């Protein structure tokens, strides 16, 4: 559980589709400490090289 046992989720509307901010709980893994993310589903599957992706995930550090 990279964001801890009870991460915070906040639903947002982006480009006419749902997305989620994921905020860590206090018991977040030490190597991930202070990292959160935004998850958004692509309108269509994206292919990069031989890999297919359904979701865009933006990882970002929280300021503390």
Protein backbone atom coordinates (compact mmCIF):
# COMPACT_ATOMS: atom_id res chain seq x y z
CA UNK A 1 0.00 0.00 0.00
CA UNK A 2 2.21 2.83 -1.24
CA UNK A 3 -0.19 5.52 0.04
CA UNK A 4 -0.87 3.90 3.41
CA UNK A 5 -3.81 1.96 4.82
CA UNK A 6 -6.30 4.80 4.57
CA UNK A 7 -5.33 7.18 1.72
CA UNK A 8 -7.48 10.19 0.99
CA UNK A 9 -9.33 10.26 -2.33
CA UNK A 10 -10.77 13.36 -3.93
CA UNK A 11 -12.82 12.99 -7.10
CA UNK A 12 -12.36 15.75 -9.69
CA UNK A 13 -13.78 16.40 -13.15
CA UNK A 14 -11.12 16.88 -15.82
CA UNK A 15 -11.77 17.14 -19.56
CA UNK A 16 -15.35 15.91 -19.08
CA UNK A 17 -14.18 12.78 -17.29
CA UNK A 18 -13.53 11.74 -13.70
CA UNK A 19 -10.13 11.81 -12.10
CA UNK A 20 -8.89 11.18 -8.58
CA UNK A 21 -6.32 12.83 -6.37
CA UNK A 22 -4.77 10.26 -4.02
CA UNK A 23 -3.33 11.70 -0.81
CA UNK A 24 -1.22 9.58 1.54
CA UNK A 25 -2.24 8.59 5.04
CA UNK A 26 0.28 9.02 7.90
CA UNK A 27 1.42 5.39 7.61
CA UNK A 28 2.60 5.82 4.00
CA UNK A 29 5.64 3.72 3.07
CA UNK A 30 8.90 5.52 3.96
CA UNK A 31 10.26 5.36 0.40
CA UNK A 32 7.09 7.07 -0.87
CA UNK A 33 6.95 9.63 1.97
CA UNK A 34 5.20 12.80 0.93
CA UNK A 35 4.22 11.55 -2.53
CA UNK A 36 0.67 11.83 -3.86
CA UNK A 37 -0.80 11.28 -7.32
CA UNK A 38 -3.52 12.20 -9.79
CA UNK A 39 -5.15 9.37 -11.78
CA UNK A 40 -7.16 10.07 -14.94
CA UNK A 41 -8.51 7.57 -17.48
CA UNK A 42 -7.52 8.31 -21.06
CA UNK A 43 -10.47 8.82 -23.45
CA UNK A 44 -8.93 6.04 -25.56
CA UNK A 45 -6.19 3.55 -24.81
CA UNK A 46 -2.74 5.00 -25.46
CA UNK A 47 -0.01 2.86 -27.00
CA UNK A 48 3.62 3.77 -26.34
CA UNK A 49 6.04 1.35 -27.94
CA UNK A 50 4.56 -2.06 -27.22
CA UNK A 51 2.81 -1.03 -24.01
CA UNK A 52 -0.87 -0.08 -23.74
CA UNK A 53 -2.08 2.38 -21.13
CA UNK A 54 -5.61 3.13 -19.94
CA UNK A 55 -4.70 5.64 -17.23
CA UNK A 56 -2.52 8.72 -16.93
CA UNK A 57 -0.88 8.88 -13.50
CA UNK A 58 0.90 12.02 -12.37
CA UNK A 59 3.05 11.53 -9.27
CA UNK A 60 3.91 14.64 -7.28
CA UNK A 61 5.53 15.54 -3.95
CA UNK A 62 3.45 17.21 -1.28
CA UNK A 63 4.91 20.19 0.50
CA UNK A 64 5.07 19.69 4.23
